[in-house]
């Protein structure tokens, strides 16, 4: 299912404080998920197979590597745990890198936003849990927070998603210096060995 996200990734020095802030905002905890993301070499964007207890998808996404909120065009294909898909993709494409992480998945409503050219923005955002937050502990990299403002049907638009992302960054006290442009796969590939 294709959709648009506006997202950030940032280092998170205090996951307990981030967790407490999310819960104070009324975020809904979906649960913890031990995830393995296997990345495959592709000529455009990124392709990964996510295997977890909660989330299992083949994911293609294309986005710029830049600090701060950025648009990501995403296509998700649901998979089932233990399928032979990884074997097929590995045989056909090879494996680029494997990312192991413990992820806490939250959804939260972020409606306290305003856009000068869009007076209905806050109303469209109200009663939607379209903002997904991950508190991640990534093997070999440390702790991170990710914010994904998601527009599944095109009714919110990139400007509102960007405003939601920035509002939640402020609430979580994400500093500009904590922002990370690269994916976990790139961070692992660029690590000194």
C-alpha atoms as a PDB file:
ATOM      1  CA  UNK A   1       0.000   0.000   0.000  1.00  0.00           C
ATOM      2  CA  UNK A   2       1.708   3.257  -1.121  1.00  0.00           C
ATOM      3  CA  UNK A   3       1.582   6.240   1.197  1.00  0.00           C
ATOM      4  CA  UNK A   4       3.517   9.345   2.255  1.00  0.00           C
ATOM      5  CA  UNK A   5       5.323   9.923   5.551  1.00  0.00           C
ATOM      6  CA  UNK A   6       7.119  12.956   6.890  1.00  0.00           C
ATOM      7  CA  UNK A   7       9.660  11.627   9.346  1.00  0.00           C
ATOM      8  CA  UNK A   8      12.701  12.210  11.494  1.00  0.00           C
ATOM      9  CA  UNK A   9      15.237  10.053  13.269  1.00  0.00           C
ATOM     10  CA  UNK A  10      17.222  11.345  16.248  1.00  0.00           C
ATOM     11  CA  UNK A  11      19.570  10.020  18.875  1.00  0.00           C
ATOM     12  CA  UNK A  12      17.739   9.624  22.168  1.00  0.00           C
ATOM     13  CA  UNK A  13      19.856  10.072  25.308  1.00  0.00           C
ATOM     14  CA  UNK A  14      16.896   9.506  27.657  1.00  0.00           C
ATOM     15  CA  UNK A  15      14.343   6.946  26.377  1.00  0.00           C
ATOM     16  CA  UNK A  16      12.611   6.927  29.785  1.00  0.00           C
ATOM     17  CA  UNK A  17      11.870  10.656  29.501  1.00  0.00           C
ATOM     18  CA  UNK A  18      10.647  10.241  25.909  1.00  0.00           C
ATOM     19  CA  UNK A  19       8.405   7.354  26.985  1.00  0.00           C
ATOM     20  CA  UNK A  20       6.948   9.387  29.877  1.00  0.00           C
ATOM     21  CA  UNK A  21       6.270  12.340  27.549  1.00  0.00           C
ATOM     22  CA  UNK A  22       4.511  10.115  25.027  1.00  0.00           C
ATOM     23  CA  UNK A  23       2.311   8.574  27.697  1.00  0.00           C
ATOM     24  CA  UNK A  24       1.498  12.033  29.122  1.00  0.00           C
ATOM     25  CA  UNK A  25       0.373  13.038  25.614  1.00  0.00           C
ATOM     26  CA  UNK A  26      -2.017  10.090  25.550  1.00  0.00           C
ATOM     27  CA  UNK A  27       0.001   7.993  23.120  1.00  0.00           C
ATOM     28  CA  UNK A  28      -1.219   4.451  22.583  1.00  0.00           C
ATOM     29  CA  UNK A  29       1.464   1.818  23.082  1.00  0.00           C
ATOM     30  CA  UNK A  30       1.120  -0.910  20.465  1.00  0.00           C
ATOM     31  CA  UNK A  31       3.891  -2.859  22.151  1.00  0.00           C
ATOM     32  CA  UNK A  32       7.539  -3.771  22.099  1.00  0.00           C
ATOM     33  CA  UNK A  33       8.754  -5.566  18.991  1.00  0.00           C
ATOM     34  CA  UNK A  34      12.094  -7.298  18.481  1.00  0.00           C
ATOM     35  CA  UNK A  35      12.715  -6.626  14.800  1.00  0.00           C
ATOM     36  CA  UNK A  36      15.169  -7.817  12.195  1.00  0.00           C
ATOM     37  CA  UNK A  37      15.400  -5.623   9.102  1.00  0.00           C
ATOM     38  CA  UNK A  38      17.260  -7.233   6.209  1.00  0.00           C
ATOM     39  CA  UNK A  39      18.278  -4.657   3.583  1.00  0.00           C
ATOM     40  CA  UNK A  40      18.801  -5.651  -0.030  1.00  0.00           C
ATOM     41  CA  UNK A  41      20.902  -3.800  -2.618  1.00  0.00           C
ATOM     42  CA  UNK A  42      18.626  -2.000  -5.095  1.00  0.00           C
ATOM     43  CA  UNK A  43      19.360   0.728  -7.681  1.00  0.00           C
ATOM     44  CA  UNK A  44      16.827   3.209  -6.250  1.00  0.00           C
ATOM     45  CA  UNK A  45      15.590   3.906  -2.722  1.00  0.00           C
ATOM     46  CA  UNK A  46      15.825   1.233  -0.047  1.00  0.00           C
ATOM     47  CA  UNK A  47      14.299  -2.228   0.153  1.00  0.00           C
ATOM     48  CA  UNK A  48      14.068  -4.125   3.428  1.00  0.00           C
ATOM     49  CA  UNK A  49      12.264  -7.106   4.851  1.00  0.00           C
ATOM     50  CA  UNK A  50      11.043  -6.450   8.395  1.00  0.00           C
ATOM     51  CA  UNK A  51      10.511  -9.478  10.615  1.00  0.00           C
ATOM     52  CA  UNK A  52       9.059  -9.007  14.098  1.00  0.00           C
ATOM     53  CA  UNK A  53       6.356 -10.156  16.452  1.00  0.00           C
ATOM     54  CA  UNK A  54       4.100  -7.175  15.586  1.00  0.00           C
ATOM     55  CA  UNK A  55       5.302  -5.846  12.235  1.00  0.00           C
ATOM     56  CA  UNK A  56       6.123  -8.031   9.237  1.00  0.00           C
ATOM     57  CA  UNK A  57       6.423  -6.245   5.898  1.00  0.00           C
ATOM     58  CA  UNK A  58       8.452  -5.951   2.757  1.00  0.00           C
ATOM     59  CA  UNK A  59       9.136  -2.207   2.648  1.00  0.00           C
ATOM     60  CA  UNK A  60      10.350  -0.056  -0.202  1.00  0.00           C
ATOM     61  CA  UNK A  61      10.972   3.612   0.525  1.00  0.00           C
ATOM     62  CA  UNK A  62      12.571   6.583  -1.166  1.00  0.00           C
ATOM     63  CA  UNK A  63      13.605   9.663   0.783  1.00  0.00           C
ATOM     64  CA  UNK A  64      16.457  12.154   0.898  1.00  0.00           C
ATOM     65  CA  UNK A  65      19.186  11.704   3.492  1.00  0.00           C
ATOM     66  CA  UNK A  66      18.822  15.000   5.339  1.00  0.00           C
ATOM     67  CA  UNK A  67      18.505  16.139   8.920  1.00  0.00           C
ATOM     68  CA  UNK A  68      15.082  17.244  10.049  1.00  0.00           C
ATOM     69  CA  UNK A  69      11.645  16.350   8.761  1.00  0.00           C
ATOM     70  CA  UNK A  70      11.731  14.814   5.313  1.00  0.00           C
ATOM     71  CA  UNK A  71       9.192  13.279   2.968  1.00  0.00           C
ATOM     72  CA  UNK A  72       9.374   9.544   2.468  1.00  0.00           C
ATOM     73  CA  UNK A  73       7.396   7.721  -0.211  1.00  0.00           C
ATOM     74  CA  UNK A  74       6.648   4.264   1.145  1.00  0.00           C
ATOM     75  CA  UNK A  75       5.223   1.035  -0.246  1.00  0.00           C
ATOM     76  CA  UNK A  76       4.393  -1.677   2.308  1.00  0.00           C
ATOM     77  CA  UNK A  77       3.651  -5.280   1.406  1.00  0.00           C
ATOM     78  CA  UNK A  78       2.464  -7.358   4.387  1.00  0.00           C
ATOM     79  CA  UNK A  79       4.283 -10.658   4.855  1.00  0.00           C
ATOM     80  CA  UNK A  80       3.871 -13.557   7.229  1.00  0.00           C
ATOM     81  CA  UNK A  81       6.468 -14.603   9.772  1.00  0.00           C
ATOM     82  CA  UNK A  82       8.675 -17.447   8.618  1.00  0.00           C
ATOM     83  CA  UNK A  83       7.883 -17.039   4.919  1.00  0.00           C
ATOM     84  CA  UNK A  84      10.459 -17.955   2.293  1.00  0.00           C
ATOM     85  CA  UNK A  85      10.545 -14.375   1.025  1.00  0.00           C
ATOM     86  CA  UNK A  86      13.910 -13.610   2.648  1.00  0.00           C
ATOM     87  CA  UNK A  87      15.482 -16.653   0.998  1.00  0.00           C
ATOM     88  CA  UNK A  88      14.108 -15.618  -2.410  1.00  0.00           C
ATOM     89  CA  UNK A  89      15.257 -11.990  -2.081  1.00  0.00           C
ATOM     90  CA  UNK A  90      18.676 -13.014  -0.754  1.00  0.00           C
ATOM     91  CA  UNK A  91      19.170 -15.480  -3.630  1.00  0.00           C
ATOM     92  CA  UNK A  92      18.124 -12.888  -6.212  1.00  0.00           C
ATOM     93  CA  UNK A  93      19.692  -9.705  -4.790  1.00  0.00           C
ATOM     94  CA  UNK A  94      22.152 -10.610  -2.046  1.00  0.00           C
ATOM     95  CA  UNK A  95      22.059  -8.954   1.372  1.00  0.00           C
ATOM     96  CA  UNK A  96      23.336  -5.437   2.030  1.00  0.00           C
ATOM     97  CA  UNK A  97      23.112  -5.339   5.843  1.00  0.00           C
ATOM     98  CA  UNK A  98      20.975  -6.662   8.702  1.00  0.00           C
ATOM     99  CA  UNK A  99      19.662  -4.345  11.430  1.00  0.00           C
ATOM    100  CA  UNK A 100      18.607  -5.849  14.777  1.00  0.00           C
ATOM    101  CA  UNK A 101      16.570  -3.653  17.098  1.00  0.00           C
ATOM    102  CA  UNK A 102      14.169  -3.573  20.006  1.00  0.00           C
ATOM    103  CA  UNK A 103      11.368  -1.168  19.082  1.00  0.00           C
ATOM    104  CA  UNK A 104       8.581   0.298  21.183  1.00  0.00           C
ATOM    105  CA  UNK A 105       5.740   1.327  18.863  1.00  0.00           C
ATOM    106  CA  UNK A 106       3.364   4.181  19.778  1.00  0.00           C
ATOM    107  CA  UNK A 107       0.592   6.053  17.971  1.00  0.00           C
ATOM    108  CA  UNK A 108      -0.415   9.555  19.041  1.00  0.00           C
ATOM    109  CA  UNK A 109      -2.786  12.299  17.906  1.00  0.00           C
ATOM    110  CA  UNK A 110      -1.001  15.564  17.091  1.00  0.00           C
ATOM    111  CA  UNK A 111      -3.736  18.127  16.367  1.00  0.00           C
ATOM    112  CA  UNK A 112      -2.291  21.221  18.080  1.00  0.00           C
ATOM    113  CA  UNK A 113      -0.804  22.504  14.838  1.00  0.00           C
ATOM    114  CA  UNK A 114      -1.564  25.491  12.642  1.00  0.00           C
ATOM    115  CA  UNK A 115      -0.699  26.275   9.055  1.00  0.00           C
ATOM    116  CA  UNK A 116      -1.131  29.848   7.782  1.00  0.00           C
ATOM    117  CA  UNK A 117      -2.398  28.700   4.363  1.00  0.00           C
ATOM    118  CA  UNK A 118      -4.564  25.869   5.744  1.00  0.00           C
ATOM    119  CA  UNK A 119      -7.063  26.899   8.426  1.00  0.00           C
ATOM    120  CA  UNK A 120      -8.575  23.394   8.528  1.00  0.00           C
ATOM    121  CA  UNK A 121      -5.278  21.627   9.306  1.00  0.00           C
ATOM    122  CA  UNK A 122      -5.879  21.147  13.032  1.00  0.00           C
ATOM    123  CA  UNK A 123      -9.433  19.925  12.415  1.00  0.00           C
ATOM    124  CA  UNK A 124      -8.234  17.359   9.837  1.00  0.00           C
ATOM    125  CA  UNK A 125      -5.611  16.118  12.307  1.00  0.00           C
ATOM    126  CA  UNK A 126      -8.055  15.856  15.220  1.00  0.00           C
ATOM    127  CA  UNK A 127      -9.162  12.359  16.275  1.00  0.00           C
ATOM    128  CA  UNK A 128      -6.490  10.713  14.137  1.00  0.00           C
ATOM    129  CA  UNK A 129      -3.624   8.703  15.517  1.00  0.00           C
ATOM    130  CA  UNK A 130      -1.656   9.165  12.315  1.00  0.00           C
ATOM    131  CA  UNK A 131       1.656   9.912  14.034  1.00  0.00           C
ATOM    132  CA  UNK A 132       3.740   6.855  14.811  1.00  0.00           C
ATOM    133  CA  UNK A 133       6.659   7.045  17.234  1.00  0.00           C
ATOM    134  CA  UNK A 134       9.384   4.450  17.673  1.00  0.00           C
ATOM    135  CA  UNK A 135      11.717   4.249  20.634  1.00  0.00           C
ATOM    136  CA  UNK A 136      14.496   2.069  19.259  1.00  0.00           C
ATOM    137  CA  UNK A 137      17.493   0.341  20.761  1.00  0.00           C
ATOM    138  CA  UNK A 138      19.593  -0.694  17.780  1.00  0.00           C
ATOM    139  CA  UNK A 139      22.349  -3.281  18.135  1.00  0.00           C
ATOM    140  CA  UNK A 140      25.714  -1.613  17.619  1.00  0.00           C
ATOM    141  CA  UNK A 141      24.251   1.922  17.389  1.00  0.00           C
ATOM    142  CA  UNK A 142      22.387   2.833  20.603  1.00  0.00           C
ATOM    143  CA  UNK A 143      19.051   4.518  21.368  1.00  0.00           C
ATOM    144  CA  UNK A 144      16.951   6.532  18.932  1.00  0.00           C
ATOM    145  CA  UNK A 145      13.524   8.091  18.541  1.00  0.00           C
ATOM    146  CA  UNK A 146      11.734   8.123  15.203  1.00  0.00           C
ATOM    147  CA  UNK A 147       8.645  10.171  14.395  1.00  0.00           C
ATOM    148  CA  UNK A 148       6.566   9.290  11.337  1.00  0.00           C
ATOM    149  CA  UNK A 149       3.575  11.461  10.447  1.00  0.00           C
ATOM    150  CA  UNK A 150       1.624   9.226   8.058  1.00  0.00           C
ATOM    151  CA  UNK A 151      -0.887  10.084   5.326  1.00  0.00           C
ATOM    152  CA  UNK A 152      -2.431   6.828   4.160  1.00  0.00           C
ATOM    153  CA  UNK A 153      -5.111   8.328   1.914  1.00  0.00           C
ATOM    154  CA  UNK A 154      -3.776  11.707   0.769  1.00  0.00           C
ATOM    155  CA  UNK A 155      -6.217  13.701   2.919  1.00  0.00           C
ATOM    156  CA  UNK A 156      -3.625  15.347   5.190  1.00  0.00           C
ATOM    157  CA  UNK A 157      -0.884  16.516   2.834  1.00  0.00           C
ATOM    158  CA  UNK A 158       2.857  16.982   3.344  1.00  0.00           C
ATOM    159  CA  UNK A 159       2.588  20.440   4.983  1.00  0.00           C
ATOM    160  CA  UNK A 160       0.348  19.138   7.777  1.00  0.00           C
ATOM    161  CA  UNK A 161       2.542  16.052   8.230  1.00  0.00           C
ATOM    162  CA  UNK A 162       5.599  18.302   8.515  1.00  0.00           C
ATOM    163  CA  UNK A 163       3.830  20.477  11.129  1.00  0.00           C
ATOM    164  CA  UNK A 164       2.830  17.396  13.135  1.00  0.00           C
ATOM    165  CA  UNK A 165       6.370  16.056  13.021  1.00  0.00           C
ATOM    166  CA  UNK A 166       7.867  19.370  14.149  1.00  0.00           C
ATOM    167  CA  UNK A 167       5.289  19.766  16.935  1.00  0.00           C
ATOM    168  CA  UNK A 168       6.089  16.335  18.341  1.00  0.00           C
ATOM    169  CA  UNK A 169       9.835  16.997  18.004  1.00  0.00           C
ATOM    170  CA  UNK A 170       9.339  20.042  20.242  1.00  0.00           C
ATOM    171  CA  UNK A 171       7.263  18.079  22.745  1.00  0.00           C
ATOM    172  CA  UNK A 172       9.927  15.365  22.920  1.00  0.00           C
ATOM    173  CA  UNK A 173      12.692  18.001  23.160  1.00  0.00           C
ATOM    174  CA  UNK A 174      14.489  16.649  20.085  1.00  0.00           C
ATOM    175  CA  UNK A 175      17.440  18.971  19.518  1.00  0.00           C
ATOM    176  CA  UNK A 176      18.720  19.759  16.028  1.00  0.00           C
ATOM    177  CA  UNK A 177      22.075  18.307  17.086  1.00  0.00           C
ATOM    178  CA  UNK A 178      20.391  14.942  17.809  1.00  0.00           C
ATOM    179  CA  UNK A 179      18.917  14.577  14.314  1.00  0.00           C
ATOM    180  CA  UNK A 180      20.279  11.784  12.118  1.00  0.00           C
ATOM    181  CA  UNK A 181      20.007  11.936   8.325  1.00  0.00           C
ATOM    182  CA  UNK A 182      20.974   8.351   7.505  1.00  0.00           C
ATOM    183  CA  UNK A 183      19.063   5.107   7.880  1.00  0.00           C
ATOM    184  CA  UNK A 184      20.125   2.507  10.437  1.00  0.00           C
ATOM    185  CA  UNK A 185      21.471   0.463   7.540  1.00  0.00           C
ATOM    186  CA  UNK A 186      23.730   3.320   6.422  1.00  0.00           C
ATOM    187  CA  UNK A 187      24.884   3.977   9.986  1.00  0.00           C
ATOM    188  CA  UNK A 188      25.880   0.333  10.360  1.00  0.00           C
ATOM    189  CA  UNK A 189      27.597   0.236   6.965  1.00  0.00           C
ATOM    190  CA  UNK A 190      29.551   3.441   7.752  1.00  0.00           C
ATOM    191  CA  UNK A 191      30.689   2.244  11.185  1.00  0.00           C
ATOM    192  CA  UNK A 192      34.415   1.645  11.662  1.00  0.00           C
ATOM    193  CA  UNK A 193      35.112  -2.046  11.876  1.00  0.00           C
END
